[in-house]
Protein backbone atom coordinates (compact mmCIF):
# COMPACT_ATOMS: atom_id res chain seq x y z
CA UNK A 1 97.98 44.09 113.56
CA UNK A 2 101.20 45.80 112.49
CA UNK A 3 103.33 44.54 109.66
CA UNK A 4 106.90 43.36 110.25
CA UNK A 5 108.52 46.67 109.27
CA UNK A 6 106.28 48.70 111.59
CA UNK A 7 106.91 46.26 114.43
CA UNK A 8 110.67 46.47 113.87
CA UNK A 9 110.58 50.28 113.90
CA UNK A 10 108.47 50.35 117.06
CA UNK A 11 110.74 47.91 118.89
CA UNK A 12 113.88 49.76 117.77
CA UNK A 13 112.55 53.15 118.90
CA UNK A 14 111.30 51.80 122.24
CA UNK A 15 114.69 50.31 123.05
CA UNK A 16 116.46 53.54 122.17
CA UNK A 17 114.20 55.38 124.64
CA UNK A 18 115.71 53.27 127.41
CA UNK A 19 119.22 54.32 126.47
CA UNK A 20 120.37 51.13 124.77
CA UNK A 21 123.41 51.33 122.52
CA UNK A 22 122.15 50.26 119.11
CA UNK A 23 125.53 48.94 117.98
CA UNK A 24 125.73 46.13 120.54
CA UNK A 25 124.88 42.49 119.93
CA UNK A 26 122.60 42.59 122.98
CA UNK A 27 120.54 45.36 121.39
CA UNK A 28 120.11 43.31 118.20
CA UNK A 29 119.14 40.25 120.21
CA UNK A 30 116.63 42.28 122.24
CA UNK A 31 115.09 43.66 119.03
CA UNK A 32 114.73 40.18 117.59
CA UNK A 33 113.46 38.80 120.88
CA UNK A 34 110.82 41.49 121.29
CA UNK A 35 109.61 41.03 117.71
CA UNK A 36 109.42 37.27 118.23
CA UNK A 37 107.60 37.66 121.54
CA UNK A 38 105.11 40.10 120.02
CA UNK A 39 104.27 37.45 117.43
CA UNK A 40 104.27 34.57 119.96
CA UNK A 41 103.83 35.91 123.51
CA UNK A 42 103.75 32.38 124.95
CA UNK A 43 107.39 31.85 124.01
CA UNK A 44 108.37 33.96 127.02
CA UNK A 45 107.05 31.18 129.27
CA UNK A 46 109.92 29.02 128.03
CA UNK A 47 112.90 31.36 128.00
CA UNK A 48 115.62 28.71 128.21
CA UNK A 49 114.02 26.00 126.09
CA UNK A 50 112.52 28.07 123.28
CA UNK A 51 113.12 31.82 123.48
CA UNK A 52 116.93 32.01 123.65
CA UNK A 53 117.40 29.22 121.07
CA UNK A 54 114.98 30.94 118.65
CA UNK A 55 116.82 34.27 118.90
CA UNK A 56 120.17 32.47 118.62
CA UNK A 57 119.05 30.71 115.44
CA UNK A 58 118.22 34.03 113.77
CA UNK A 59 121.66 35.42 114.59
CA UNK A 60 123.68 32.20 114.12
CA UNK A 61 124.73 32.32 117.75
CA UNK A 62 124.30 30.22 120.87
CA UNK A 63 121.51 30.51 123.44
CA UNK A 64 124.03 31.25 126.21
CA UNK A 65 125.62 34.06 124.17
CA UNK A 66 122.17 35.53 123.50
CA UNK A 67 121.18 35.43 127.18
CA UNK A 68 124.48 36.91 128.30
CA UNK A 69 124.43 39.70 125.70
CA UNK A 70 120.81 40.59 126.48
CA UNK A 71 121.54 40.70 130.20
CA UNK A 72 124.63 42.88 129.68
CA UNK A 73 122.72 45.28 127.40
CA UNK A 74 119.92 45.65 129.96
CA UNK A 75 122.39 46.26 132.79
CA UNK A 76 124.33 48.80 130.70
CA UNK A 77 121.18 50.68 129.71
CA UNK A 78 119.97 50.61 133.31
CA UNK A 79 123.26 51.83 134.75
CA UNK A 80 124.31 54.25 132.01
CA UNK A 81 121.15 55.04 130.06
CA UNK A 82 119.06 58.15 130.40
CA UNK A 83 115.79 56.63 131.61
CA UNK A 84 116.31 54.88 134.94
CA UNK A 85 112.96 56.27 136.10
CA UNK A 86 111.33 54.65 133.05
CA UNK A 87 112.79 51.30 134.12
CA UNK A 88 111.31 51.73 137.60
CA UNK A 89 107.93 52.80 136.24
CA UNK A 90 107.57 49.95 133.78
CA UNK A 91 109.08 47.20 135.89
CA UNK A 92 107.73 48.43 139.22
CA UNK A 93 111.18 48.31 140.73
CA UNK A 94 111.11 50.34 143.88
CA UNK A 95 114.23 48.62 145.18
CA UNK A 96 116.29 50.19 142.39
CA UNK A 97 117.35 46.87 140.95
CA UNK A 98 117.84 46.18 137.29
CA UNK A 99 115.14 43.96 135.72
CA UNK A 100 116.04 40.46 134.59
CA UNK A 101 115.89 39.57 130.90
CA UNK A 102 112.60 37.79 131.48
CA UNK A 103 111.10 40.76 133.34
CA UNK A 104 112.35 43.18 130.70
CA UNK A 105 110.93 41.15 127.82
CA UNK A 106 107.60 40.43 129.49
CA UNK A 107 107.12 44.03 130.64
CA UNK A 108 107.87 45.46 127.22
CA UNK A 109 105.75 42.95 125.32
CA UNK A 110 102.82 43.64 127.62
CA UNK A 111 103.35 47.37 127.22
CA UNK A 112 103.62 47.20 123.42
CA UNK A 113 100.65 44.84 123.00
CA UNK A 114 98.27 46.47 125.45
CA UNK A 115 99.57 50.03 125.72
CA UNK A 116 100.00 49.85 129.47
CA UNK A 117 102.13 52.39 131.28
């Protein structure tokens, strides 16, 4: 198992590969969310009740602000990032639609934990 610093570096570098802007609140929330989900994968089964509130607590924010910022960051990276094909490969999106926050989190956690794709 990786330590917290290694996990943080891995998550940060993986998000940058998708073309996320590291200065946005959504990027910070996604980093925290991925780290949390890597420690507790089951939390992704309760996005509204547990996941968003847990990320919001870390950042002294609200669950709705976290969800909105994450969604906006994913859409921005999808539309303006440099790896749209990576999105399609990982999230099996042949319809060329942007993944939801839940799909993005689940796909990346699975990929980071099990090395798929």
